[in-house]
Amino acid sequence: MQRKQRGGLVDVFMVADPDEVRAVLADEHIDREFSGRRLPLNRLLLRRITRTLSYRGTRFPTLQPRNDPDRKARQAALWERLNAAAASFDASNPELESLAAWVRGFGDDDALGPLVQDMVGRQFDPAFRATQETWAAAELLEEAVRTTRLTKRIGWALTGKVRRAKGRLGAMVDHERAGIHGVAIALHNIVKGFRQMRELYAEGKGAALSAPDASARCLFAPSAVLRQPTRDTTVAGCPISRNAIVVLALGEAAKRDGTSSFVFLKDEWSRCPADTWVPALFEGVWDRACASP
């Protein structure tokens, strides 16, 4: 683990080793309650992230604690809904044609974002229709999560730009927080996956790769997720204060591990509800793309 500590100001652990990531995930005292507590820079970081990833005063499900009953119920219901939708993702499904055509090489690079957003959004509201404007809102929210540039953050606060972007997308997914997360944050790794798929297709891998193999090559873990101890604890021999923030660098851990176990955290309490839906989407699009010249 790499630790960044500065007096009583900041205490952050960056965890990228696969075994250490698994140890953090297994520790029952490391959660997502996210209290600022005593360290001012930790408090500012958590405030920035939680405010950006909240809607109407409530955090997105990806920032809610493990024992929150509403989170658990909504996550289970969404998992069931997405699994049912995933069962229809095969080469005969006309819904997949626009993405399959893009994989074959039809369409500019900037057409992909709205295509993916459209597919994700329809899982929350069948009437969802993505545009360049809704895609721009998703790009803005992704940037707002990651940027540390104070001038940008002040500008967004003064203009309300981030708040309006969430409001616009929220109205299109029946104000469901998981839906906003899906069409604004989670979809970026799906976009990355389809770019990889287009490269595989252009290399002539259609006959050589099965749909599951192609899908596996297009899965990307989130670059990082946040956790915080609910009390002082020790992980992999390293003491971690309850005031610290733990950053799990899942993207780097996945590269080192060489497996897909960090993509959806399928065996964890924080499992992504789309752990079946995304691979099925990739497989269906690959099969449809390869079925037509």
Foldseek 3Di string as FASTA:
>chain_A
DDWDDDPLAATEAEDQALVLLVLLLPDPQKWQPDDLPGHNNSNVLSVLQQVLQAAPPGGFLLRDTLPPVVSLVVLVVLLVLLVVVLVPQALVDPLLVVLLVVLQPPDDLLVLLQSLLQVLLCSQPVPDHGDSVLSVLLVVSQCSNPDPDPVVVVVCVVVVSSVVSLVVQCVSRVNRSNSSCRSRPPCVLLSQLSVVSSVCVVVVCLVVDALLRSLQVSFAAPQKGKIAGPAFDATPNRTDGNNHIYIYRLRSNCVVVVGCCRRQVCVGSRGHSCPSNSSSNSSSSSNNSSVPD
